[in-house]
Amino acid sequence: MLKYIGGSILIKILQITFSIIALMFLIYEMFSRNFAVQPLVIFFLGLALLMMGIRELQQERKITGGLLIVVFLLSLFVSIKSVLLN
């Protein structure tokens, strides 16, 4: 059975979910050549990185977790900026 370690299972499930959503948008984008969904791809990949960062912080890997959260913030900025420009 899965061992519950301080919400780590939920964070892992969210990370996988956000990654699958981003992959679905990427597949749609690839076949339809509709690049209007690119901000959504960046946003959901950023959320997956946020979940990875939180897991790293829970495992006491502060530098890696901090860097992943900074990359999430950067991807959030990029996705919001690209939505506003279109």
PDB file of N, CA and C in Angstrom:
ATOM      1  N   MET A   1       0.842  -1.186   0.000  1.00  0.00           N
ATOM      2  CA  MET A   1       0.000   0.000   0.000  1.00  0.00           C
ATOM      3  C   MET A   1       0.885   1.247   0.000  1.00  0.00           C
ATOM      4  N   LEU A   2       0.263   2.359  -0.403  1.00  0.00           N
ATOM      5  CA  LEU A   2       0.985   3.623  -0.402  1.00  0.00           C
ATOM      6  C   LEU A   2       1.125   4.132   1.026  1.00  0.00           C
ATOM      7  N   LYS A   3       2.298   4.612   1.335  1.00  0.00           N
ATOM      8  CA  LYS A   3       2.535   5.147   2.664  1.00  0.00           C
ATOM      9  C   LYS A   3       2.258   6.649   2.652  1.00  0.00           C
ATOM     10  N   TYR A   4       1.465   7.127   3.582  1.00  0.00           N
ATOM     11  CA  TYR A   4       1.146   8.544   3.683  1.00  0.00           C
ATOM     12  C   TYR A   4       2.254   9.245   4.443  1.00  0.00           C
ATOM     13  N   ILE A   5       2.922  10.180   3.774  1.00  0.00           N
ATOM     14  CA  ILE A   5       4.020  10.904   4.412  1.00  0.00           C
ATOM     15  C   ILE A   5       3.731  12.392   4.316  1.00  0.00           C
ATOM     16  N   GLY A   6       2.973  12.922   5.242  1.00  0.00           N
ATOM     17  CA  GLY A   6       2.734  14.349   5.344  1.00  0.00           C
ATOM     18  C   GLY A   6       2.207  15.015   4.078  1.00  0.00           C
ATOM     19  N   GLY A   7       1.259  14.430   3.402  1.00  0.00           N
ATOM     20  CA  GLY A   7       0.680  15.031   2.214  1.00  0.00           C
ATOM     21  C   GLY A   7       1.487  14.804   0.950  1.00  0.00           C
ATOM     22  N   SER A   8       2.538  14.030   1.055  1.00  0.00           N
ATOM     23  CA  SER A   8       3.410  13.801  -0.086  1.00  0.00           C
ATOM     24  C   SER A   8       2.690  13.071  -1.210  1.00  0.00           C
ATOM     25  N   ILE A   9       1.776  12.177  -0.872  1.00  0.00           N
ATOM     26  CA  ILE A   9       1.038  11.418  -1.881  1.00  0.00           C
ATOM     27  C   ILE A   9       0.135  12.368  -2.668  1.00  0.00           C
ATOM     28  N   LEU A  10      -0.573  13.251  -1.975  1.00  0.00           N
ATOM     29  CA  LEU A  10      -1.462  14.200  -2.638  1.00  0.00           C
ATOM     30  C   LEU A  10      -0.676  15.120  -3.573  1.00  0.00           C
ATOM     31  N   ILE A  11       0.468  15.579  -3.131  1.00  0.00           N
ATOM     32  CA  ILE A  11       1.296  16.460  -3.956  1.00  0.00           C
ATOM     33  C   ILE A  11       1.794  15.712  -5.188  1.00  0.00           C
ATOM     34  N   LYS A  12       2.165  14.454  -5.034  1.00  0.00           N
ATOM     35  CA  LYS A  12       2.612  13.643  -6.172  1.00  0.00           C
ATOM     36  C   LYS A  12       1.468  13.432  -7.162  1.00  0.00           C
ATOM     37  N   ILE A  13       0.269  13.187  -6.656  1.00  0.00           N
ATOM     38  CA  ILE A  13      -0.895  13.014  -7.530  1.00  0.00           C
ATOM     39  C   ILE A  13      -1.187  14.308  -8.280  1.00  0.00           C
ATOM     40  N   LEU A  14      -1.113  15.446  -7.595  1.00  0.00           N
ATOM     41  CA  LEU A  14      -1.328  16.731  -8.267  1.00  0.00           C
ATOM     42  C   LEU A  14      -0.258  16.984  -9.323  1.00  0.00           C
ATOM     43  N   GLN A  15       0.980  16.647  -9.018  1.00  0.00           N
ATOM     44  CA  GLN A  15       2.065  16.831  -9.984  1.00  0.00           C
ATOM     45  C   GLN A  15       1.808  16.016 -11.248  1.00  0.00           C
ATOM     46  N   ILE A  16       1.420  14.776 -11.085  1.00  0.00           N
ATOM     47  CA  ILE A  16       1.138  13.913 -12.237  1.00  0.00           C
ATOM     48  C   ILE A  16      -0.077  14.434 -13.001  1.00  0.00           C
ATOM     49  N   THR A  17      -1.102  14.884 -12.283  1.00  0.00           N
ATOM     50  CA  THR A  17      -2.301  15.414 -12.930  1.00  0.00           C
ATOM     51  C   THR A  17      -1.977  16.645 -13.766  1.00  0.00           C
ATOM     52  N   PHE A  18      -1.228  17.583 -13.196  1.00  0.00           N
ATOM     53  CA  PHE A  18      -0.872  18.791 -13.943  1.00  0.00           C
ATOM     54  C   PHE A  18       0.003  18.450 -15.148  1.00  0.00           C
ATOM     55  N   SER A  19       0.864  17.478 -15.007  1.00  0.00           N
ATOM     56  CA  SER A  19       1.710  17.068 -16.132  1.00  0.00           C
ATOM     57  C   SER A  19       0.886  16.438 -17.248  1.00  0.00           C
ATOM     58  N   ILE A  20      -0.103  15.627 -16.880  1.00  0.00           N
ATOM     59  CA  ILE A  20      -0.963  14.996 -17.889  1.00  0.00           C
ATOM     60  C   ILE A  20      -1.813  16.039 -18.598  1.00  0.00           C
ATOM     61  N   ILE A  21      -2.329  17.020 -17.859  1.00  0.00           N
ATOM     62  CA  ILE A  21      -3.099  18.093 -18.488  1.00  0.00           C
ATOM     63  C   ILE A  21      -2.230  18.862 -19.479  1.00  0.00           C
ATOM     64  N   ALA A  22      -1.005  19.185 -19.081  1.00  0.00           N
ATOM     65  CA  ALA A  22      -0.090  19.885 -19.986  1.00  0.00           C
ATOM     66  C   ALA A  22       0.214  19.036 -21.208  1.00  0.00           C
ATOM     67  N   LEU A  23       0.399  17.743 -21.024  1.00  0.00           N
ATOM     68  CA  LEU A  23       0.660  16.850 -22.149  1.00  0.00           C
ATOM     69  C   LEU A  23      -0.526  16.791 -23.104  1.00  0.00           C
ATOM     70  N   MET A  24      -1.735  16.779 -22.567  1.00  0.00           N
ATOM     71  CA  MET A  24      -2.921  16.777 -23.424  1.00  0.00           C
ATOM     72  C   MET A  24      -3.000  18.057 -24.258  1.00  0.00           C
ATOM     73  N   PHE A  25      -2.717  19.201 -23.636  1.00  0.00           N
ATOM     74  CA  PHE A  25      -2.706  20.457 -24.389  1.00  0.00           C
ATOM     75  C   PHE A  25      -1.596  20.448 -25.446  1.00  0.00           C
ATOM     76  N   LEU A  26      -0.450  19.873 -25.119  1.00  0.00           N
ATOM     77  CA  LEU A  26       0.637  19.791 -26.098  1.00  0.00           C
ATOM     78  C   LEU A  26       0.269  18.922 -27.288  1.00  0.00           C
ATOM     79  N   ILE A  27      -0.380  17.805 -27.037  1.00  0.00           N
ATOM     80  CA  ILE A  27      -0.801  16.929 -28.129  1.00  0.00           C
ATOM     81  C   ILE A  27      -1.834  17.635 -28.999  1.00  0.00           C
ATOM     82  N   TYR A  28      -2.781  18.322 -28.365  1.00  0.00           N
ATOM     83  CA  TYR A  28      -3.772  19.089 -29.121  1.00  0.00           C
ATOM     84  C   TYR A  28      -3.089  20.149 -29.974  1.00  0.00           C
ATOM     85  N   GLU A  29      -2.139  20.850 -29.382  1.00  0.00           N
ATOM     86  CA  GLU A  29      -1.412  21.906 -30.086  1.00  0.00           C
ATOM     87  C   GLU A  29      -0.621  21.341 -31.268  1.00  0.00           C
ATOM     88  N   MET A  30      -0.037  20.183 -31.090  1.00  0.00           N
ATOM     89  CA  MET A  30       0.773  19.587 -32.140  1.00  0.00           C
ATOM     90  C   MET A  30      -0.077  19.180 -33.341  1.00  0.00           C
ATOM     91  N   PHE A  31      -1.252  18.597 -33.092  1.00  0.00           N
ATOM     92  CA  PHE A  31      -2.078  18.128 -34.197  1.00  0.00           C
ATOM     93  C   PHE A  31      -2.904  19.239 -34.838  1.00  0.00           C
ATOM     94  N   SER A  32      -3.323  20.219 -34.058  1.00  0.00           N
ATOM     95  CA  SER A  32      -4.180  21.267 -34.613  1.00  0.00           C
ATOM     96  C   SER A  32      -3.398  22.486 -35.101  1.00  0.00           C
ATOM     97  N   ARG A  33      -2.124  22.580 -34.754  1.00  0.00           N
ATOM     98  CA  ARG A  33      -1.293  23.749 -35.079  1.00  0.00           C
ATOM     99  C   ARG A  33      -1.905  25.032 -34.524  1.00  0.00           C
ATOM    100  N   ASN A  34      -2.631  24.897 -33.418  1.00  0.00           N
ATOM    101  CA  ASN A  34      -3.246  26.029 -32.741  1.00  0.00           C
ATOM    102  C   ASN A  34      -2.359  26.403 -31.552  1.00  0.00           C
ATOM    103  N   PHE A  35      -1.579  27.460 -31.726  1.00  0.00           N
ATOM    104  CA  PHE A  35      -0.623  27.823 -30.693  1.00  0.00           C
ATOM    105  C   PHE A  35      -1.216  28.770 -29.643  1.00  0.00           C
ATOM    106  N   ALA A  36      -2.517  28.952 -29.675  1.00  0.00           N
ATOM    107  CA  ALA A  36      -3.179  29.803 -28.690  1.00  0.00           C
ATOM    108  C   ALA A  36      -3.233  29.143 -27.315  1.00  0.00           C
ATOM    109  N   VAL A  37      -3.019  27.824 -27.252  1.00  0.00           N
ATOM    110  CA  VAL A  37      -3.073  27.128 -25.962  1.00  0.00           C
ATOM    111  C   VAL A  37      -1.688  27.063 -25.293  1.00  0.00           C
ATOM    112  N   GLN A  38      -0.695  27.655 -25.905  1.00  0.00           N
ATOM    113  CA  GLN A  38       0.660  27.623 -25.350  1.00  0.00           C
ATOM    114  C   GLN A  38       0.738  28.182 -23.916  1.00  0.00           C
ATOM    115  N   PRO A  39       0.038  29.299 -23.609  1.00  0.00           N
ATOM    116  CA  PRO A  39       0.080  29.774 -22.212  1.00  0.00           C
ATOM    117  C   PRO A  39      -0.460  28.756 -21.215  1.00  0.00           C
ATOM    118  N   LEU A  40      -1.463  27.974 -21.630  1.00  0.00           N
ATOM    119  CA  LEU A  40      -1.997  26.947 -20.729  1.00  0.00           C
ATOM    120  C   LEU A  40      -0.973  25.850 -20.487  1.00  0.00           C
ATOM    121  N   VAL A  41      -0.237  25.483 -21.514  1.00  0.00           N
ATOM    122  CA  VAL A  41       0.813  24.472 -21.366  1.00  0.00           C
ATOM    123  C   VAL A  41       1.858  24.961 -20.368  1.00  0.00           C
ATOM    124  N   ILE A  42       2.286  26.200 -20.548  1.00  0.00           N
ATOM    125  CA  ILE A  42       3.300  26.767 -19.652  1.00  0.00           C
ATOM    126  C   ILE A  42       2.764  26.835 -18.224  1.00  0.00           C
ATOM    127  N   PHE A  43       1.501  27.223 -18.080  1.00  0.00           N
ATOM    128  CA  PHE A  43       0.899  27.339 -16.753  1.00  0.00           C
ATOM    129  C   PHE A  43       0.841  25.993 -16.036  1.00  0.00           C
ATOM    130  N   PHE A  44       0.360  24.949 -16.733  1.00  0.00           N
ATOM    131  CA  PHE A  44       0.230  23.650 -16.084  1.00  0.00           C
ATOM    132  C   PHE A  44       1.590  22.998 -15.824  1.00  0.00           C
ATOM    133  N   LEU A  45       2.552  23.222 -16.707  1.00  0.00           N
ATOM    134  CA  LEU A  45       3.898  22.725 -16.412  1.00  0.00           C
ATOM    135  C   LEU A  45       4.491  23.465 -15.212  1.00  0.00           C
ATOM    136  N   GLY A  46       4.174  24.754 -15.097  1.00  0.00           N
ATOM    137  CA  GLY A  46       4.612  25.510 -13.922  1.00  0.00           C
ATOM    138  C   GLY A  46       4.001  24.981 -12.641  1.00  0.00           C
ATOM    139  N   LEU A  47       2.718  24.614 -12.707  1.00  0.00           N
ATOM    140  CA  LEU A  47       2.085  24.030 -11.516  1.00  0.00           C
ATOM    141  C   LEU A  47       2.727  22.695 -11.139  1.00  0.00           C
ATOM    142  N   ALA A  48       3.095  21.918 -12.144  1.00  0.00           N
ATOM    143  CA  ALA A  48       3.792  20.659 -11.861  1.00  0.00           C
ATOM    144  C   ALA A  48       5.141  20.944 -11.198  1.00  0.00           C
ATOM    145  N   LEU A  49       5.831  21.988 -11.670  1.00  0.00           N
ATOM    146  CA  LEU A  49       7.103  22.359 -11.041  1.00  0.00           C
ATOM    147  C   LEU A  49       6.896  22.849  -9.609  1.00  0.00           C
ATOM    148  N   LEU A  50       5.790  23.555  -9.361  1.00  0.00           N
ATOM    149  CA  LEU A  50       5.486  23.989  -7.995  1.00  0.00           C
ATOM    150  C   LEU A  50       5.303  22.786  -7.077  1.00  0.00           C
ATOM    151  N   MET A  51       4.582  21.774  -7.543  1.00  0.00           N
ATOM    152  CA  MET A  51       4.386  20.568  -6.728  1.00  0.00           C
ATOM    153  C   MET A  51       5.724  19.874  -6.467  1.00  0.00           C
ATOM    154  N   MET A  52       6.586  19.841  -7.486  1.00  0.00           N
ATOM    155  CA  MET A  52       7.918  19.254  -7.288  1.00  0.00           C
ATOM    156  C   MET A  52       8.705  20.053  -6.252  1.00  0.00           C
ATOM    157  N   GLY A  53       8.589  21.382  -6.313  1.00  0.00           N
ATOM    158  CA  GLY A  53       9.292  22.232  -5.353  1.00  0.00           C
ATOM    159  C   GLY A  53       8.812  22.022  -3.933  1.00  0.00           C
ATOM    160  N   ILE A  54       7.514  21.876  -3.771  1.00  0.00           N
ATOM    161  CA  ILE A  54       6.964  21.638  -2.433  1.00  0.00           C
ATOM    162  C   ILE A  54       7.451  20.294  -1.899  1.00  0.00           C
ATOM    163  N   ARG A  55       7.467  19.272  -2.758  1.00  0.00           N
ATOM    164  CA  ARG A  55       7.971  17.958  -2.314  1.00  0.00           C
ATOM    165  C   ARG A  55       9.440  18.033  -1.920  1.00  0.00           C
ATOM    166  N   GLU A  56      10.230  18.776  -2.689  1.00  0.00           N
ATOM    167  CA  GLU A  56      11.647  18.918  -2.359  1.00  0.00           C
ATOM    168  C   GLU A  56      11.816  19.638  -1.023  1.00  0.00           C
ATOM    169  N   LEU A  57      11.014  20.658  -0.764  1.00  0.00           N
ATOM    170  CA  LEU A  57      11.098  21.358   0.523  1.00  0.00           C
ATOM    171  C   LEU A  57      10.698  20.446   1.677  1.00  0.00           C
ATOM    172  N   GLN A  58       9.724  19.575   1.452  1.00  0.00           N
ATOM    173  CA  GLN A  58       9.319  18.632   2.497  1.00  0.00           C
ATOM    174  C   GLN A  58      10.428  17.630   2.799  1.00  0.00           C
ATOM    175  N   GLN A  59      11.259  17.339   1.802  1.00  0.00           N
ATOM    176  CA  GLN A  59      12.356  16.395   1.995  1.00  0.00           C
ATOM    177  C   GLN A  59      13.642  17.101   2.427  1.00  0.00           C
ATOM    178  N   GLU A  60      13.504  18.354   2.870  1.00  0.00           N
ATOM    179  CA  GLU A  60      14.628  19.149   3.387  1.00  0.00           C
ATOM    180  C   GLU A  60      15.688  19.462   2.329  1.00  0.00           C
ATOM    181  N   ARG A  61      15.298  19.494   1.068  1.00  0.00           N
ATOM    182  CA  ARG A  61      16.205  19.924  -0.002  1.00  0.00           C
ATOM    183  C   ARG A  61      15.815  21.344  -0.383  1.00  0.00           C
ATOM    184  N   LYS A  62      16.282  22.297   0.411  1.00  0.00           N
ATOM    185  CA  LYS A  62      15.815  23.671   0.322  1.00  0.00           C
ATOM    186  C   LYS A  62      16.268  24.377  -0.955  1.00  0.00           C
ATOM    187  N   ILE A  63      17.473  24.140  -1.407  1.00  0.00           N
ATOM    188  CA  ILE A  63      17.976  24.840  -2.592  1.00  0.00           C
ATOM    189  C   ILE A  63      17.221  24.384  -3.835  1.00  0.00           C
ATOM    190  N   THR A  64      17.082  23.083  -4.016  1.00  0.00           N
ATOM    191  CA  THR A  64      16.366  22.559  -5.170  1.00  0.00           C
ATOM    192  C   THR A  64      14.901  22.973  -5.130  1.00  0.00           C
ATOM    193  N   GLY A  65      14.276  22.878  -3.979  1.00  0.00           N
ATOM    194  CA  GLY A  65      12.880  23.281  -3.835  1.00  0.00           C
ATOM    195  C   GLY A  65      12.685  24.761  -4.111  1.00  0.00           C
ATOM    196  N   GLY A  66      13.595  25.572  -3.608  1.00  0.00           N
ATOM    197  CA  GLY A  66      13.518  27.011  -3.854  1.00  0.00           C
ATOM    198  C   GLY A  66      13.669  27.349  -5.327  1.00  0.00           C
ATOM    199  N   LEU A  67      14.597  26.676  -6.000  1.00  0.00           N
ATOM    200  CA  LEU A  67      14.788  26.918  -7.430  1.00  0.00           C
ATOM    201  C   LEU A  67      13.559  26.498  -8.229  1.00  0.00           C
ATOM    202  N   LEU A  68      12.956  25.383  -7.879  1.00  0.00           N
ATOM    203  CA  LEU A  68      11.750  24.949  -8.581  1.00  0.00           C
ATOM    204  C   LEU A  68      10.599  25.929  -8.379  1.00  0.00           C
ATOM    205  N   ILE A  69      10.480  26.493  -7.193  1.00  0.00           N
ATOM    206  CA  ILE A  69       9.422  27.469  -6.939  1.00  0.00           C
ATOM    207  C   ILE A  69       9.699  28.764  -7.696  1.00  0.00           C
ATOM    208  N   VAL A  70      10.962  29.165  -7.801  1.00  0.00           N
ATOM    209  CA  VAL A  70      11.309  30.350  -8.585  1.00  0.00           C
ATOM    210  C   VAL A  70      10.980  30.126 -10.057  1.00  0.00           C
ATOM    211  N   VAL A  71      11.263  28.939 -10.574  1.00  0.00           N
ATOM    212  CA  VAL A  71      10.926  28.628 -11.969  1.00  0.00           C
ATOM    213  C   VAL A  71       9.413  28.625 -12.158  1.00  0.00           C
ATOM    214  N   PHE A  72       8.664  28.149 -11.168  1.00  0.00           N
ATOM    215  CA  PHE A  72       7.207  28.223 -11.235  1.00  0.00           C
ATOM    216  C   PHE A  72       6.748  29.668 -11.338  1.00  0.00           C
ATOM    217  N   LEU A  73       7.306  30.538 -10.512  1.00  0.00           N
ATOM    218  CA  LEU A  73       6.917  31.945 -10.556  1.00  0.00           C
ATOM    219  C   LEU A  73       7.236  32.570 -11.906  1.00  0.00           C
ATOM    220  N   LEU A  74       8.376  32.213 -12.473  1.00  0.00           N
ATOM    221  CA  LEU A  74       8.743  32.713 -13.791  1.00  0.00           C
ATOM    222  C   LEU A  74       7.768  32.204 -14.853  1.00  0.00           C
ATOM    223  N   SER A  75       7.413  30.930 -14.806  1.00  0.00           N
ATOM    224  CA  SER A  75       6.471  30.395 -15.794  1.00  0.00           C
ATOM    225  C   SER A  75       5.077  30.995 -15.600  1.00  0.00           C
ATOM    226  N   LEU A  76       4.699  31.280 -14.364  1.00  0.00           N
ATOM    227  CA  LEU A  76       3.420  31.945 -14.109  1.00  0.00           C
ATOM    228  C   LEU A  76       3.419  33.334 -14.735  1.00  0.00           C
ATOM    229  N   PHE A  77       4.510  34.068 -14.551  1.00  0.00           N
ATOM    230  CA  PHE A  77       4.629  35.392 -15.156  1.00  0.00           C
ATOM    231  C   PHE A  77       4.552  35.309 -16.670  1.00  0.00           C
ATOM    232  N   VAL A  78       5.267  34.362 -17.276  1.00  0.00           N
ATOM    233  CA  VAL A  78       5.284  34.225 -18.723  1.00  0.00           C
ATOM    234  C   VAL A  78       3.892  33.856 -19.247  1.00  0.00           C
ATOM    235  N   SER A  79       3.200  32.946 -18.594  1.00  0.00           N
ATOM    236  CA  SER A  79       1.884  32.554 -19.083  1.00  0.00           C
ATOM    237  C   SER A  79       0.873  33.687 -18.955  1.00  0.00           C
ATOM    238  N   ILE A  80       0.916  34.440 -17.870  1.00  0.00           N
ATOM    239  CA  ILE A  80       0.012  35.572 -17.720  1.00  0.00           C
ATOM    240  C   ILE A  80       0.340  36.666 -18.732  1.00  0.00           C
ATOM    241  N   LYS A  81       1.623  36.939 -18.904  1.00  0.00           N
ATOM    242  CA  LYS A  81       2.041  37.950 -19.863  1.00  0.00           C
ATOM    243  C   LYS A  81       1.631  37.577 -21.285  1.00  0.00           C
ATOM    244  N   SER A  82       1.778  36.308 -21.664  1.00  0.00           N
ATOM    245  CA  SER A  82       1.405  35.907 -23.023  1.00  0.00           C
ATOM    246  C   SER A  82      -0.107  35.934 -23.227  1.00  0.00           C
ATOM    247  N   VAL A  83      -0.890  35.681 -22.177  1.00  0.00           N
ATOM    248  CA  VAL A  83      -2.343  35.799 -22.303  1.00  0.00           C
ATOM    249  C   VAL A  83      -2.725  37.261 -22.492  1.00  0.00           C
ATOM    250  N   LEU A  84      -2.090  38.154 -21.761  1.00  0.00           N
ATOM    251  CA  LEU A  84      -2.418  39.569 -21.866  1.00  0.00           C
ATOM    252  C   LEU A  84      -1.992  40.182 -23.185  1.00  0.00           C
ATOM    253  N   LEU A  85      -0.957  39.652 -23.796  1.00  0.00           N
ATOM    254  CA  LEU A  85      -0.486  40.196 -25.075  1.00  0.00           C
ATOM    255  C   LEU A  85      -1.325  39.722 -26.256  1.00  0.00           C
ATOM    256  N   ASN A  86      -2.028  38.605 -26.103  1.00  0.00           N
ATOM    257  CA  ASN A  86      -2.840  38.078 -27.214  1.00  0.00           C
ATOM    258  C   ASN A  86      -4.223  38.596 -27.178  1.00  0.00           C
TER     259      ASN A  86
END
